[in-house]
């Protein structure tokens, strides 16, 4: 199997673990691996009044800042733009409360970071 195949398999495993954990925390998972021409979002969920876009990151260890630090400014911008696209395509009002969460795995240790970053796109539609 290629390294890319292993990466996808590992990513899928941790995305599933994250989804299960979020559901235990009261989130309702709406979409997994949402993809569009702009990019992708690992999980889309509802948490109370919030529409939550979730990035799942895995690192073998916390060297170089760990998994949470791997959500770069560029990645935040892409996630924000994909969130805009998702909302537009699904007819979700621009004044919907939105949050960007990260589920970070450093080894087998998981951390849920609510409101991990602010909207980083250009303009909400």
PDB file of N, CA and C in Angstrom:
ATOM      1  N   UNK A   1       0.839  -1.185   0.000  1.00  0.00           N
ATOM      2  CA  UNK A   1       0.000   0.000   0.000  1.00  0.00           C
ATOM      3  C   UNK A   1       0.881   1.244   0.000  1.00  0.00           C
ATOM      4  N   UNK A   2       0.477   2.263  -0.711  1.00  0.00           N
ATOM      5  CA  UNK A   2       1.257   3.492  -0.783  1.00  0.00           C
ATOM      6  C   UNK A   2       1.122   4.289   0.501  1.00  0.00           C
ATOM      7  N   UNK A   3       2.045   5.195   0.683  1.00  0.00           N
ATOM      8  CA  UNK A   3       1.989   6.063   1.855  1.00  0.00           C
ATOM      9  C   UNK A   3       0.693   6.862   1.873  1.00  0.00           C
ATOM     10  N   UNK A   4       0.270   7.360   0.698  1.00  0.00           N
ATOM     11  CA  UNK A   4      -0.985   8.102   0.614  1.00  0.00           C
ATOM     12  C   UNK A   4      -2.165   7.269   1.074  1.00  0.00           C
ATOM     13  N   UNK A   5      -2.164   5.985   0.718  1.00  0.00           N
ATOM     14  CA  UNK A   5      -3.222   5.081   1.161  1.00  0.00           C
ATOM     15  C   UNK A   5      -3.216   4.915   2.666  1.00  0.00           C
ATOM     16  N   UNK A   6      -2.018   4.796   3.242  1.00  0.00           N
ATOM     17  CA  UNK A   6      -1.897   4.694   4.694  1.00  0.00           C
ATOM     18  C   UNK A   6      -2.364   5.973   5.367  1.00  0.00           C
ATOM     19  N   UNK A   7      -2.025   7.111   4.782  1.00  0.00           N
ATOM     20  CA  UNK A   7      -2.434   8.399   5.339  1.00  0.00           C
ATOM     21  C   UNK A   7      -3.951   8.520   5.332  1.00  0.00           C
ATOM     22  N   UNK A   8      -4.571   8.147   4.218  1.00  0.00           N
ATOM     23  CA  UNK A   8      -6.033   8.214   4.135  1.00  0.00           C
ATOM     24  C   UNK A   8      -6.681   7.271   5.145  1.00  0.00           C
ATOM     25  N   UNK A   9      -6.124   6.083   5.274  1.00  0.00           N
ATOM     26  CA  UNK A   9      -6.667   5.101   6.215  1.00  0.00           C
ATOM     27  C   UNK A   9      -6.537   5.613   7.651  1.00  0.00           C
ATOM     28  N   UNK A  10      -5.388   6.177   7.971  1.00  0.00           N
ATOM     29  CA  UNK A  10      -5.172   6.746   9.304  1.00  0.00           C
ATOM     30  C   UNK A  10      -6.129   7.904   9.537  1.00  0.00           C
ATOM     31  N   UNK A  11      -6.243   8.785   8.545  1.00  0.00           N
ATOM     32  CA  UNK A  11      -7.154   9.927   8.657  1.00  0.00           C
ATOM     33  C   UNK A  11      -8.586   9.481   8.886  1.00  0.00           C
ATOM     34  N   UNK A  12      -9.030   8.483   8.139  1.00  0.00           N
ATOM     35  CA  UNK A  12     -10.399   7.975   8.278  1.00  0.00           C
ATOM     36  C   UNK A  12     -10.628   7.411   9.681  1.00  0.00           C
ATOM     37  N   UNK A  13      -9.615   6.732  10.214  1.00  0.00           N
ATOM     38  CA  UNK A  13      -9.737   6.159  11.564  1.00  0.00           C
ATOM     39  C   UNK A  13      -9.948   7.256  12.605  1.00  0.00           C
ATOM     40  N   UNK A  14      -9.136   8.300  12.531  1.00  0.00           N
ATOM     41  CA  UNK A  14      -9.228   9.357  13.530  1.00  0.00           C
ATOM     42  C   UNK A  14     -10.453  10.240  13.317  1.00  0.00           C
ATOM     43  N   UNK A  15     -10.893  10.392  12.089  1.00  0.00           N
ATOM     44  CA  UNK A  15     -12.137  11.125  11.836  1.00  0.00           C
ATOM     45  C   UNK A  15     -13.326  10.375  12.431  1.00  0.00           C
ATOM     46  N   UNK A  16     -13.314   9.055  12.334  1.00  0.00           N
ATOM     47  CA  UNK A  16     -14.377   8.247  12.940  1.00  0.00           C
ATOM     48  C   UNK A  16     -14.342   8.372  14.463  1.00  0.00           C
ATOM     49  N   UNK A  17     -13.151   8.272  15.052  1.00  0.00           N
ATOM     50  CA  UNK A  17     -13.026   8.437  16.506  1.00  0.00           C
ATOM     51  C   UNK A  17     -13.514   9.815  16.943  1.00  0.00           C
ATOM     52  N   UNK A  18     -13.169  10.837  16.171  1.00  0.00           N
ATOM     53  CA  UNK A  18     -13.606  12.198  16.492  1.00  0.00           C
ATOM     54  C   UNK A  18     -15.124  12.303  16.418  1.00  0.00           C
ATOM     55  N   UNK A  19     -15.726  11.753  15.369  1.00  0.00           N
ATOM     56  CA  UNK A  19     -17.186  11.820  15.205  1.00  0.00           C
ATOM     57  C   UNK A  19     -17.897  11.142  16.377  1.00  0.00           C
ATOM     58  N   UNK A  20     -17.404   9.985  16.782  1.00  0.00           N
ATOM     59  CA  UNK A  20     -18.001   9.265  17.916  1.00  0.00           C
ATOM     60  C   UNK A  20     -17.896  10.109  19.183  1.00  0.00           C
ATOM     61  N   UNK A  21     -16.728  10.692  19.417  1.00  0.00           N
ATOM     62  CA  UNK A  21     -16.534  11.528  20.606  1.00  0.00           C
ATOM     63  C   UNK A  21     -17.458  12.748  20.578  1.00  0.00           C
ATOM     64  N   UNK A  22     -17.549  13.399  19.426  1.00  0.00           N
ATOM     65  CA  UNK A  22     -18.409  14.580  19.321  1.00  0.00           C
ATOM     66  C   UNK A  22     -19.866  14.223  19.593  1.00  0.00           C
ATOM     67  N   UNK A  23     -20.316  13.099  19.080  1.00  0.00           N
ATOM     68  CA  UNK A  23     -21.695  12.668  19.346  1.00  0.00           C
ATOM     69  C   UNK A  23     -21.906  12.431  20.838  1.00  0.00           C
ATOM     70  N   UNK A  24     -20.909  11.870  21.517  1.00  0.00           N
ATOM     71  CA  UNK A  24     -21.006  11.672  22.969  1.00  0.00           C
ATOM     72  C   UNK A  24     -21.068  13.013  23.704  1.00  0.00           C
ATOM     73  N   UNK A  25     -20.485  14.045  23.092  1.00  0.00           N
ATOM     74  CA  UNK A  25     -20.493  15.393  23.678  1.00  0.00           C
ATOM     75  C   UNK A  25     -21.754  16.170  23.302  1.00  0.00           C
ATOM     76  N   UNK A  26     -22.670  15.536  22.573  1.00  0.00           N
ATOM     77  CA  UNK A  26     -23.929  16.186  22.232  1.00  0.00           C
ATOM     78  C   UNK A  26     -24.011  16.787  20.842  1.00  0.00           C
ATOM     79  N   UNK A  27     -22.955  16.677  20.063  1.00  0.00           N
ATOM     80  CA  UNK A  27     -22.986  17.176  18.689  1.00  0.00           C
ATOM     81  C   UNK A  27     -23.850  16.233  17.842  1.00  0.00           C
ATOM     82  N   UNK A  28     -24.451  16.789  16.815  1.00  0.00           N
ATOM     83  CA  UNK A  28     -25.159  15.979  15.813  1.00  0.00           C
ATOM     84  C   UNK A  28     -24.363  16.085  14.518  1.00  0.00           C
ATOM     85  N   UNK A  29     -23.791  14.988  14.059  1.00  0.00           N
ATOM     86  CA  UNK A  29     -22.975  14.996  12.840  1.00  0.00           C
ATOM     87  C   UNK A  29     -23.899  15.055  11.630  1.00  0.00           C
ATOM     88  N   UNK A  30     -23.673  16.049  10.770  1.00  0.00           N
ATOM     89  CA  UNK A  30     -24.479  16.240   9.563  1.00  0.00           C
ATOM     90  C   UNK A  30     -23.774  15.660   8.344  1.00  0.00           C
ATOM     91  N   UNK A  31     -22.481  15.906   8.239  1.00  0.00           N
ATOM     92  CA  UNK A  31     -21.705  15.455   7.074  1.00  0.00           C
ATOM     93  C   UNK A  31     -20.325  15.002   7.530  1.00  0.00           C
ATOM     94  N   UNK A  32     -19.810  14.021   6.808  1.00  0.00           N
ATOM     95  CA  UNK A  32     -18.425  13.588   7.000  1.00  0.00           C
ATOM     96  C   UNK A  32     -17.706  13.769   5.676  1.00  0.00           C
ATOM     97  N   UNK A  33     -16.499  14.292   5.735  1.00  0.00           N
ATOM     98  CA  UNK A  33     -15.666  14.482   4.537  1.00  0.00           C
ATOM     99  C   UNK A  33     -16.391  15.252   3.436  1.00  0.00           C
ATOM    100  N   UNK A  34     -16.887  16.430   3.786  1.00  0.00           N
ATOM    101  CA  UNK A  34     -17.555  17.275   2.793  1.00  0.00           C
ATOM    102  C   UNK A  34     -16.495  17.847   1.851  1.00  0.00           C
ATOM    103  N   UNK A  35     -16.682  17.622   0.565  1.00  0.00           N
ATOM    104  CA  UNK A  35     -15.725  18.090  -0.446  1.00  0.00           C
ATOM    105  C   UNK A  35     -16.435  18.951  -1.476  1.00  0.00           C
ATOM    106  N   UNK A  36     -15.729  19.973  -1.911  1.00  0.00           N
ATOM    107  CA  UNK A  36     -16.192  20.817  -3.011  1.00  0.00           C
ATOM    108  C   UNK A  36     -14.951  21.273  -3.774  1.00  0.00           C
ATOM    109  N   UNK A  37     -15.147  22.093  -4.779  1.00  0.00           N
ATOM    110  CA  UNK A  37     -14.021  22.531  -5.614  1.00  0.00           C
ATOM    111  C   UNK A  37     -12.999  23.372  -4.840  1.00  0.00           C
ATOM    112  N   UNK A  38     -13.415  23.940  -3.727  1.00  0.00           N
ATOM    113  CA  UNK A  38     -12.537  24.802  -2.929  1.00  0.00           C
ATOM    114  C   UNK A  38     -11.630  23.985  -2.008  1.00  0.00           C
ATOM    115  N   UNK A  39     -12.170  22.899  -1.478  1.00  0.00           N
ATOM    116  CA  UNK A  39     -11.415  22.095  -0.520  1.00  0.00           C
ATOM    117  C   UNK A  39     -12.329  21.123   0.190  1.00  0.00           C
ATOM    118  N   UNK A  40     -11.954  20.760   1.410  1.00  0.00           N
ATOM    119  CA  UNK A  40     -12.766  19.806   2.165  1.00  0.00           C
ATOM    120  C   UNK A  40     -12.795  20.163   3.644  1.00  0.00           C
ATOM    121  N   UNK A  41     -13.851  19.677   4.284  1.00  0.00           N
ATOM    122  CA  UNK A  41     -14.005  19.806   5.731  1.00  0.00           C
ATOM    123  C   UNK A  41     -14.258  18.402   6.259  1.00  0.00           C
ATOM    124  N   UNK A  42     -13.556  18.039   7.322  1.00  0.00           N
ATOM    125  CA  UNK A  42     -13.660  16.678   7.844  1.00  0.00           C
ATOM    126  C   UNK A  42     -15.059  16.354   8.355  1.00  0.00           C
ATOM    127  N   UNK A  43     -15.614  17.232   9.198  1.00  0.00           N
ATOM    128  CA  UNK A  43     -16.936  16.994   9.773  1.00  0.00           C
ATOM    129  C   UNK A  43     -17.730  18.292   9.816  1.00  0.00           C
ATOM    130  N   UNK A  44     -19.016  18.180   9.547  1.00  0.00           N
ATOM    131  CA  UNK A  44     -19.945  19.294   9.731  1.00  0.00           C
ATOM    132  C   UNK A  44     -20.961  18.799  10.747  1.00  0.00           C
ATOM    133  N   UNK A  45     -21.213  19.612  11.771  1.00  0.00           N
ATOM    134  CA  UNK A  45     -22.084  19.169  12.857  1.00  0.00           C
ATOM    135  C   UNK A  45     -22.909  20.332  13.391  1.00  0.00           C
ATOM    136  N   UNK A  46     -23.904  19.995  14.194  1.00  0.00           N
ATOM    137  CA  UNK A  46     -24.654  20.984  14.965  1.00  0.00           C
ATOM    138  C   UNK A  46     -24.318  20.763  16.432  1.00  0.00           C
ATOM    139  N   UNK A  47     -24.103  21.848  17.135  1.00  0.00           N
ATOM    140  CA  UNK A  47     -23.893  21.810  18.580  1.00  0.00           C
ATOM    141  C   UNK A  47     -24.742  22.929  19.159  1.00  0.00           C
ATOM    142  N   UNK A  48     -25.913  22.577  19.638  1.00  0.00           N
ATOM    143  CA  UNK A  48     -26.855  23.595  20.086  1.00  0.00           C
ATOM    144  C   UNK A  48     -27.261  24.455  18.905  1.00  0.00           C
ATOM    145  N   UNK A  49     -27.139  25.766  19.051  1.00  0.00           N
ATOM    146  CA  UNK A  49     -27.513  26.699  17.985  1.00  0.00           C
ATOM    147  C   UNK A  49     -26.417  26.866  16.937  1.00  0.00           C
ATOM    148  N   UNK A  50     -25.266  26.261  17.158  1.00  0.00           N
ATOM    149  CA  UNK A  50     -24.121  26.451  16.264  1.00  0.00           C
ATOM    150  C   UNK A  50     -24.058  25.405  15.159  1.00  0.00           C
ATOM    151  N   UNK A  51     -23.716  25.877  13.973  1.00  0.00           N
ATOM    152  CA  UNK A  51     -23.279  25.010  12.891  1.00  0.00           C
ATOM    153  C   UNK A  51     -21.767  24.953  13.041  1.00  0.00           C
ATOM    154  N   UNK A  52     -21.228  23.759  13.201  1.00  0.00           N
ATOM    155  CA  UNK A  52     -19.813  23.614  13.535  1.00  0.00           C
ATOM    156  C   UNK A  52     -19.079  22.891  12.410  1.00  0.00           C
ATOM    157  N   UNK A  53     -17.991  23.500  11.971  1.00  0.00           N
ATOM    158  CA  UNK A  53     -17.110  22.901  10.976  1.00  0.00           C
ATOM    159  C   UNK A  53     -15.887  22.405  11.738  1.00  0.00           C
ATOM    160  N   UNK A  54     -15.621  21.111  11.613  1.00  0.00           N
ATOM    161  CA  UNK A  54     -14.605  20.474  12.450  1.00  0.00           C
ATOM    162  C   UNK A  54     -13.450  19.958  11.601  1.00  0.00           C
ATOM    163  N   UNK A  55     -12.256  20.355  11.969  1.00  0.00           N
ATOM    164  CA  UNK A  55     -11.033  19.827  11.364  1.00  0.00           C
ATOM    165  C   UNK A  55     -10.458  18.797  12.331  1.00  0.00           C
ATOM    166  N   UNK A  56     -10.137  17.622  11.816  1.00  0.00           N
ATOM    167  CA  UNK A  56      -9.539  16.560  12.623  1.00  0.00           C
ATOM    168  C   UNK A  56      -8.081  16.435  12.200  1.00  0.00           C
ATOM    169  N   UNK A  57      -7.182  16.514  13.174  1.00  0.00           N
ATOM    170  CA  UNK A  57      -5.752  16.404  12.886  1.00  0.00           C
ATOM    171  C   UNK A  57      -5.126  15.331  13.762  1.00  0.00           C
ATOM    172  N   UNK A  58      -4.248  14.553  13.157  1.00  0.00           N
ATOM    173  CA  UNK A  58      -3.523  13.509  13.877  1.00  0.00           C
ATOM    174  C   UNK A  58      -2.030  13.700  13.663  1.00  0.00           C
ATOM    175  N   UNK A  59      -1.277  13.571  14.733  1.00  0.00           N
ATOM    176  CA  UNK A  59       0.172  13.525  14.676  1.00  0.00           C
ATOM    177  C   UNK A  59       0.624  12.416  15.613  1.00  0.00           C
ATOM    178  N   UNK A  60       1.697  11.740  15.254  1.00  0.00           N
ATOM    179  CA  UNK A  60       2.197  10.642  16.090  1.00  0.00           C
ATOM    180  C   UNK A  60       2.587  11.125  17.477  1.00  0.00           C
ATOM    181  N   UNK A  61       3.060  12.372  17.556  1.00  0.00           N
ATOM    182  CA  UNK A  61       3.461  12.941  18.834  1.00  0.00           C
ATOM    183  C   UNK A  61       3.253  14.449  18.773  1.00  0.00           C
ATOM    184  N   UNK A  62       3.576  15.121  19.871  1.00  0.00           N
ATOM    185  CA  UNK A  62       3.335  16.569  19.899  1.00  0.00           C
ATOM    186  C   UNK A  62       4.578  17.398  19.582  1.00  0.00           C
ATOM    187  N   UNK A  63       5.537  16.796  18.891  1.00  0.00           N
ATOM    188  CA  UNK A  63       6.688  17.568  18.430  1.00  0.00           C
ATOM    189  C   UNK A  63       6.195  18.614  17.437  1.00  0.00           C
ATOM    190  N   UNK A  64       6.904  19.698  17.327  1.00  0.00           N
ATOM    191  CA  UNK A  64       6.540  20.797  16.425  1.00  0.00           C
ATOM    192  C   UNK A  64       5.156  21.351  16.740  1.00  0.00           C
ATOM    193  N   UNK A  65       4.768  21.311  18.008  1.00  0.00           N
ATOM    194  CA  UNK A  65       3.495  21.893  18.411  1.00  0.00           C
ATOM    195  C   UNK A  65       2.316  20.946  18.382  1.00  0.00           C
ATOM    196  N   UNK A  66       2.493  19.766  17.855  1.00  0.00           N
ATOM    197  CA  UNK A  66       1.428  18.780  17.857  1.00  0.00           C
ATOM    198  C   UNK A  66       0.383  19.000  16.780  1.00  0.00           C
ATOM    199  N   UNK A  67      -0.689  18.234  16.892  1.00  0.00           N
ATOM    200  CA  UNK A  67      -1.730  18.213  15.865  1.00  0.00           C
ATOM    201  C   UNK A  67      -2.449  19.553  15.733  1.00  0.00           C
ATOM    202  N   UNK A  68      -2.778  20.173  16.847  1.00  0.00           N
ATOM    203  CA  UNK A  68      -3.525  21.435  16.788  1.00  0.00           C
ATOM    204  C   UNK A  68      -2.744  22.508  16.039  1.00  0.00           C
ATOM    205  N   UNK A  69      -1.440  22.533  16.222  1.00  0.00           N
ATOM    206  CA  UNK A  69      -0.604  23.529  15.546  1.00  0.00           C
ATOM    207  C   UNK A  69      -0.538  23.294  14.043  1.00  0.00           C
ATOM    208  N   UNK A  70      -0.920  22.103  13.606  1.00  0.00           N
ATOM    209  CA  UNK A  70      -0.883  21.781  12.173  1.00  0.00           C
ATOM    210  C   UNK A  70      -2.031  22.418  11.396  1.00  0.00           C
ATOM    211  N   UNK A  71      -2.974  23.036  12.097  1.00  0.00           N
ATOM    212  CA  UNK A  71      -4.065  23.742  11.416  1.00  0.00           C
ATOM    213  C   UNK A  71      -3.560  25.163  11.145  1.00  0.00           C
ATOM    214  N   UNK A  72      -2.865  25.293  10.033  1.00  0.00           N
ATOM    215  CA  UNK A  72      -2.199  26.544   9.666  1.00  0.00           C
ATOM    216  C   UNK A  72      -3.197  27.640   9.309  1.00  0.00           C
ATOM    217  N   UNK A  73      -2.697  28.855   9.210  1.00  0.00           N
ATOM    218  CA  UNK A  73      -3.525  29.981   8.773  1.00  0.00           C
ATOM    219  C   UNK A  73      -4.104  29.712   7.393  1.00  0.00           C
ATOM    220  N   UNK A  74      -3.307  29.151   6.504  1.00  0.00           N
ATOM    221  CA  UNK A  74      -3.802  28.822   5.157  1.00  0.00           C
ATOM    222  C   UNK A  74      -4.930  27.802   5.236  1.00  0.00           C
ATOM    223  N   UNK A  75      -4.793  26.795   6.095  1.00  0.00           N
ATOM    224  CA  UNK A  75      -5.840  25.782   6.258  1.00  0.00           C
ATOM    225  C   UNK A  75      -7.099  26.413   6.845  1.00  0.00           C
ATOM    226  N   UNK A  76      -6.936  27.334   7.790  1.00  0.00           N
ATOM    227  CA  UNK A  76      -8.084  28.030   8.376  1.00  0.00           C
ATOM    228  C   UNK A  76      -8.842  28.821   7.309  1.00  0.00           C
ATOM    229  N   UNK A  77      -8.109  29.474   6.416  1.00  0.00           N
ATOM    230  CA  UNK A  77      -8.748  30.219   5.324  1.00  0.00           C
ATOM    231  C   UNK A  77      -9.513  29.281   4.402  1.00  0.00           C
ATOM    232  N   UNK A  78      -8.907  28.153   4.068  1.00  0.00           N
ATOM    233  CA  UNK A  78      -9.581  27.182   3.198  1.00  0.00           C
ATOM    234  C   UNK A  78     -10.841  26.652   3.867  1.00  0.00           C
ATOM    235  N   UNK A  79     -10.747  26.280   5.131  1.00  0.00           N
ATOM    236  CA  UNK A  79     -11.916  25.771   5.854  1.00  0.00           C
ATOM    237  C   UNK A  79     -13.011  26.834   5.889  1.00  0.00           C
ATOM    238  N   UNK A  80     -12.648  28.078   6.130  1.00  0.00           N
ATOM    239  CA  UNK A  80     -13.630  29.170   6.155  1.00  0.00           C
ATOM    240  C   UNK A  80     -14.321  29.325   4.808  1.00  0.00           C
ATOM    241  N   UNK A  81     -13.554  29.249   3.736  1.00  0.00           N
ATOM    242  CA  UNK A  81     -14.126  29.378   2.395  1.00  0.00           C
ATOM    243  C   UNK A  81     -15.032  28.193   2.060  1.00  0.00           C
ATOM    244  N   UNK A  82     -14.624  26.993   2.449  1.00  0.00           N
ATOM    245  CA  UNK A  82     -15.469  25.814   2.225  1.00  0.00           C
ATOM    246  C   UNK A  82     -16.751  25.939   3.055  1.00  0.00           C
ATOM    247  N   UNK A  83     -16.641  26.452   4.272  1.00  0.00           N
ATOM    248  CA  UNK A  83     -17.826  26.665   5.114  1.00  0.00           C
ATOM    249  C   UNK A  83     -18.796  27.631   4.433  1.00  0.00           C
ATOM    250  N   UNK A  84     -18.272  28.715   3.870  1.00  0.00           N
ATOM    251  CA  UNK A  84     -19.119  29.658   3.122  1.00  0.00           C
ATOM    252  C   UNK A  84     -19.842  28.947   1.987  1.00  0.00           C
ATOM    253  N   UNK A  85     -19.091  28.167   1.227  1.00  0.00           N
ATOM    254  CA  UNK A  85     -19.657  27.442   0.091  1.00  0.00           C
ATOM    255  C   UNK A  85     -20.731  26.464   0.570  1.00  0.00           C
ATOM    256  N   UNK A  86     -20.437  25.728   1.622  1.00  0.00           N
ATOM    257  CA  UNK A  86     -21.388  24.768   2.185  1.00  0.00           C
ATOM    258  C   UNK A  86     -22.691  25.474   2.550  1.00  0.00           C
ATOM    259  N   UNK A  87     -22.579  26.604   3.236  1.00  0.00           N
ATOM    260  CA  UNK A  87     -23.768  27.330   3.671  1.00  0.00           C
ATOM    261  C   UNK A  87     -24.563  27.855   2.478  1.00  0.00           C
ATOM    262  N   UNK A  88     -23.861  28.358   1.483  1.00  0.00           N
ATOM    263  CA  UNK A  88     -24.540  28.881   0.300  1.00  0.00           C
ATOM    264  C   UNK A  88     -25.277  27.761  -0.436  1.00  0.00           C
ATOM    265  N   UNK A  89     -24.602  26.654  -0.681  1.00  0.00           N
ATOM    266  CA  UNK A  89     -25.187  25.523  -1.415  1.00  0.00           C
ATOM    267  C   UNK A  89     -26.387  24.933  -0.665  1.00  0.00           C
ATOM    268  N   UNK A  90     -26.318  24.930   0.661  1.00  0.00           N
ATOM    269  CA  UNK A  90     -27.386  24.338   1.466  1.00  0.00           C
ATOM    270  C   UNK A  90     -28.439  25.363   1.904  1.00  0.00           C
ATOM    271  N   UNK A  91     -28.347  26.589   1.402  1.00  0.00           N
ATOM    272  CA  UNK A  91     -29.347  27.611   1.710  1.00  0.00           C
ATOM    273  C   UNK A  91     -29.373  28.028   3.166  1.00  0.00           C
ATOM    274  N   UNK A  92     -28.211  27.997   3.801  1.00  0.00           N
ATOM    275  CA  UNK A  92     -28.122  28.382   5.213  1.00  0.00           C
ATOM    276  C   UNK A  92     -27.822  29.869   5.284  1.00  0.00           C
ATOM    277  N   UNK A  93     -28.608  30.554   6.039  1.00  0.00           N
ATOM    278  CA  UNK A  93     -28.540  32.005   6.205  1.00  0.00           C
ATOM    279  C   UNK A  93     -27.156  32.446   6.696  1.00  0.00           C
ATOM    280  N   UNK A  94     -26.670  33.560   6.181  1.00  0.00           N
ATOM    281  CA  UNK A  94     -25.344  34.075   6.556  1.00  0.00           C
ATOM    282  C   UNK A  94     -25.267  34.468   8.029  1.00  0.00           C
ATOM    283  N   UNK A  95     -26.417  34.726   8.670  1.00  0.00           N
ATOM    284  CA  UNK A  95     -26.372  35.101  10.087  1.00  0.00           C
ATOM    285  C   UNK A  95     -26.464  33.889  11.026  1.00  0.00           C
ATOM    286  N   UNK A  96     -26.394  32.688  10.460  1.00  0.00           N
ATOM    287  CA  UNK A  96     -26.340  31.463  11.267  1.00  0.00           C
ATOM    288  C   UNK A  96     -25.087  31.503  12.149  1.00  0.00           C
ATOM    289  N   UNK A  97     -25.235  31.145  13.409  1.00  0.00           N
ATOM    290  CA  UNK A  97     -24.075  31.066  14.300  1.00  0.00           C
ATOM    291  C   UNK A  97     -23.191  29.909  13.849  1.00  0.00           C
ATOM    292  N   UNK A  98     -21.924  30.230  13.613  1.00  0.00           N
ATOM    293  CA  UNK A  98     -20.967  29.257  13.088  1.00  0.00           C
ATOM    294  C   UNK A  98     -19.766  29.199  14.016  1.00  0.00           C
ATOM    295  N   UNK A  99     -19.198  28.008  14.128  1.00  0.00           N
ATOM    296  CA  UNK A  99     -18.004  27.832  14.949  1.00  0.00           C
ATOM    297  C   UNK A  99     -17.056  26.892  14.223  1.00  0.00           C
ATOM    298  N   UNK A 100     -15.776  27.079  14.466  1.00  0.00           N
ATOM    299  CA  UNK A 100     -14.746  26.224  13.883  1.00  0.00           C
ATOM    300  C   UNK A 100     -14.021  25.515  15.024  1.00  0.00           C
ATOM    301  N   UNK A 101     -14.211  24.208  15.097  1.00  0.00           N
ATOM    302  CA  UNK A 101     -13.594  23.398  16.146  1.00  0.00           C
ATOM    303  C   UNK A 101     -12.492  22.531  15.546  1.00  0.00           C
ATOM    304  N   UNK A 102     -11.578  22.119  16.386  1.00  0.00           N
ATOM    305  CA  UNK A 102     -10.520  21.193  15.985  1.00  0.00           C
ATOM    306  C   UNK A 102     -10.525  20.027  16.967  1.00  0.00           C
ATOM    307  N   UNK A 103     -10.452  18.823  16.432  1.00  0.00           N
ATOM    308  CA  UNK A 103     -10.205  17.650  17.264  1.00  0.00           C
ATOM    309  C   UNK A 103      -8.780  17.222  16.931  1.00  0.00           C
ATOM    310  N   UNK A 104      -7.907  17.357  17.925  1.00  0.00           N
ATOM    311  CA  UNK A 104      -6.478  17.099  17.728  1.00  0.00           C
ATOM    312  C   UNK A 104      -6.089  15.804  18.437  1.00  0.00           C
ATOM    313  N   UNK A 105      -5.424  14.938  17.700  1.00  0.00           N
ATOM    314  CA  UNK A 105      -4.898  13.693  18.249  1.00  0.00           C
ATOM    315  C   UNK A 105      -3.381  13.770  18.218  1.00  0.00           C
ATOM    316  N   UNK A 106      -2.775  13.708  19.398  1.00  0.00           N
ATOM    317  CA  UNK A 106      -1.324  13.579  19.510  1.00  0.00           C
ATOM    318  C   UNK A 106      -1.086  12.176  20.045  1.00  0.00           C
ATOM    319  N   UNK A 107      -0.663  11.280  19.151  1.00  0.00           N
ATOM    320  CA  UNK A 107      -0.636   9.866  19.504  1.00  0.00           C
ATOM    321  C   UNK A 107      -2.074   9.424  19.698  1.00  0.00           C
ATOM    322  N   UNK A 108      -2.365   8.796  20.801  1.00  0.00           N
ATOM    323  CA  UNK A 108      -3.737   8.348  21.083  1.00  0.00           C
ATOM    324  C   UNK A 108      -4.490   9.334  21.969  1.00  0.00           C
ATOM    325  N   UNK A 109      -3.839  10.435  22.338  1.00  0.00           N
ATOM    326  CA  UNK A 109      -4.476  11.440  23.183  1.00  0.00           C
ATOM    327  C   UNK A 109      -5.295  12.403  22.332  1.00  0.00           C
ATOM    328  N   UNK A 110      -6.560  12.585  22.702  1.00  0.00           N
ATOM    329  CA  UNK A 110      -7.465  13.428  21.933  1.00  0.00           C
ATOM    330  C   UNK A 110      -7.805  14.691  22.717  1.00  0.00           C
ATOM    331  N   UNK A 111      -7.867  15.816  21.988  1.00  0.00           N
ATOM    332  CA  UNK A 111      -8.283  17.081  22.585  1.00  0.00           C
ATOM    333  C   UNK A 111      -9.304  17.737  21.668  1.00  0.00           C
ATOM    334  N   UNK A 112     -10.454  18.104  22.231  1.00  0.00           N
ATOM    335  CA  UNK A 112     -11.464  18.863  21.500  1.00  0.00           C
ATOM    336  C   UNK A 112     -11.243  20.334  21.803  1.00  0.00           C
ATOM    337  N   UNK A 113     -10.993  21.111  20.766  1.00  0.00           N
ATOM    338  CA  UNK A 113     -10.778  22.549  20.929  1.00  0.00           C
ATOM    339  C   UNK A 113     -11.969  23.253  20.292  1.00  0.00           C
ATOM    340  N   UNK A 114     -12.877  23.706  21.141  1.00  0.00           N
ATOM    341  CA  UNK A 114     -14.052  24.426  20.653  1.00  0.00           C
ATOM    342  C   UNK A 114     -13.641  25.849  20.291  1.00  0.00           C
ATOM    343  N   UNK A 115     -14.229  26.357  19.217  1.00  0.00           N
ATOM    344  CA  UNK A 115     -13.934  27.716  18.760  1.00  0.00           C
ATOM    345  C   UNK A 115     -12.420  27.894  18.595  1.00  0.00           C
ATOM    346  N   UNK A 116     -11.804  26.935  17.920  1.00  0.00           N
ATOM    347  CA  UNK A 116     -10.347  26.879  17.778  1.00  0.00           C
ATOM    348  C   UNK A 116      -9.784  28.057  16.999  1.00  0.00           C
ATOM    349  N   UNK A 117     -10.555  28.547  16.050  1.00  0.00           N
ATOM    350  CA  UNK A 117     -10.120  29.723  15.294  1.00  0.00           C
ATOM    351  C   UNK A 117     -11.337  30.484  14.803  1.00  0.00           C
ATOM    352  N   UNK A 118     -11.119  31.756  14.530  1.00  0.00           N
ATOM    353  CA  UNK A 118     -12.189  32.623  14.029  1.00  0.00           C
ATOM    354  C   UNK A 118     -12.312  32.470  12.517  1.00  0.00           C
ATOM    355  N   UNK A 119     -13.429  32.897  11.995  1.00  0.00           N
ATOM    356  CA  UNK A 119     -13.647  32.894  10.550  1.00  0.00           C
ATOM    357  C   UNK A 119     -12.475  33.597   9.877  1.00  0.00           C
ATOM    358  N   UNK A 120     -11.889  32.953   8.868  1.00  0.00           N
ATOM    359  CA  UNK A 120     -10.690  33.496   8.221  1.00  0.00           C
ATOM    360  C   UNK A 120     -10.871  33.677   6.720  1.00  0.00           C
ATOM    361  N   UNK A 121     -12.114  33.680   6.262  1.00  0.00           N
ATOM    362  CA  UNK A 121     -12.372  33.877   4.834  1.00  0.00           C
ATOM    363  C   UNK A 121     -12.364  35.348   4.477  1.00  0.00           C
ATOM    364  N   UNK A 122     -12.713  35.630   3.250  1.00  0.00           N
ATOM    365  CA  UNK A 122     -12.744  37.017   2.794  1.00  0.00           C
ATOM    366  C   UNK A 122     -14.023  37.712   3.233  1.00  0.00           C
ATOM    367  N   UNK A 123     -15.148  37.206   2.783  1.00  0.00           N
ATOM    368  CA  UNK A 123     -16.437  37.821   3.091  1.00  0.00           C
ATOM    369  C   UNK A 123     -17.465  36.710   3.211  1.00  0.00           C
ATOM    370  N   UNK A 124     -18.250  36.739   4.264  1.00  0.00           N
ATOM    371  CA  UNK A 124     -19.360  35.779   4.346  1.00  0.00           C
ATOM    372  C   UNK A 124     -20.386  36.204   3.325  1.00  0.00           C
ATOM    373  N   UNK A 125     -20.912  35.250   2.567  1.00  0.00           N
ATOM    374  CA  UNK A 125     -21.830  35.538   1.457  1.00  0.00           C
ATOM    375  C   UNK A 125     -22.936  36.381   1.897  1.00  0.00           C
TER     376      UNK A 125
END
